[in-house]
């Protein structure tokens, strides 16, 4: 059940590689992240409203048919 020396070395190597890859990431600045967050929220709200309107129109159409 215990890890062998090779497995421990493999895990350590994997975490070192992960750390190196994280250093390569170019994180957005605070202003850019905030703008993108607002854009995602706004688009989500608009899309939700469009879906709600379509749903209501379909319900009215189904009641009209029935």
Protein backbone atom coordinates (compact mmCIF):
# COMPACT_ATOMS: atom_id res chain seq x y z
CA UNK A 1 0.00 0.00 0.00
CA UNK A 2 2.96 2.34 0.53
CA UNK A 3 4.57 4.23 -2.29
CA UNK A 4 7.87 3.09 -3.67
CA UNK A 5 10.83 5.45 -4.02
CA UNK A 6 10.25 5.64 -7.77
CA UNK A 7 6.59 6.61 -7.28
CA UNK A 8 7.53 9.32 -4.76
CA UNK A 9 10.15 10.66 -7.18
CA UNK A 10 7.58 10.64 -9.97
CA UNK A 11 5.11 12.59 -7.87
CA UNK A 12 7.76 15.14 -6.87
CA UNK A 13 8.82 15.52 -10.49
CA UNK A 14 5.21 16.00 -11.55
CA UNK A 15 4.67 18.76 -8.97
CA UNK A 16 7.92 20.47 -10.01
CA UNK A 17 6.74 20.41 -13.61
CA UNK A 18 3.37 21.78 -12.55
CA UNK A 19 5.08 24.64 -10.72
CA UNK A 20 7.16 25.45 -13.82
CA UNK A 21 4.05 25.46 -16.02
CA UNK A 22 2.18 27.75 -13.62
CA UNK A 23 5.04 30.24 -13.83
CA UNK A 24 4.56 30.34 -17.63
CA UNK A 25 0.95 31.47 -17.30
CA UNK A 26 0.35 35.14 -18.04
CA UNK A 27 -2.41 36.08 -15.62
CA UNK A 28 -4.66 39.02 -16.58
CA UNK A 29 -4.39 42.21 -14.57
CA UNK A 30 -7.16 43.14 -12.15
CA UNK A 31 -8.86 45.61 -14.51
CA UNK A 32 -8.92 43.17 -17.42
CA UNK A 33 -10.27 40.36 -15.24
CA UNK A 34 -13.00 42.66 -13.90
CA UNK A 35 -14.02 43.75 -17.42
CA UNK A 36 -14.18 40.16 -18.63
CA UNK A 37 -16.21 39.14 -15.57
CA UNK A 38 -18.73 41.94 -16.16
CA UNK A 39 -18.98 40.96 -19.84
CA UNK A 40 -19.66 37.31 -18.97
CA UNK A 41 -22.32 38.27 -16.42
CA UNK A 42 -24.00 40.72 -18.83
CA UNK A 43 -24.06 38.21 -21.69
CA UNK A 44 -25.44 35.54 -19.34
CA UNK A 45 -28.25 37.83 -18.18
CA UNK A 46 -29.15 38.83 -21.76
CA UNK A 47 -29.08 35.23 -22.96
CA UNK A 48 -31.20 34.17 -19.98
CA UNK A 49 -33.76 36.87 -20.82
CA UNK A 50 -33.88 35.77 -24.47
CA UNK A 51 -34.44 32.15 -23.43
CA UNK A 52 -37.19 33.22 -20.99
CA UNK A 53 -38.98 35.23 -23.70
CA UNK A 54 -38.76 32.32 -26.15
CA UNK A 55 -40.09 29.97 -23.47
CA UNK A 56 -43.02 32.27 -22.77
CA UNK A 57 -43.82 32.54 -26.50
CA UNK A 58 -43.74 28.76 -26.86
CA UNK A 59 -46.06 28.39 -23.85
CA UNK A 60 -48.52 30.88 -25.35
CA UNK A 61 -48.35 29.04 -28.67
CA UNK A 62 -48.97 25.68 -26.98
CA UNK A 63 -51.98 27.08 -25.09
CA UNK A 64 -53.31 28.53 -28.34
CA UNK A 65 -53.00 25.14 -30.05
CA UNK A 66 -54.56 23.18 -27.19
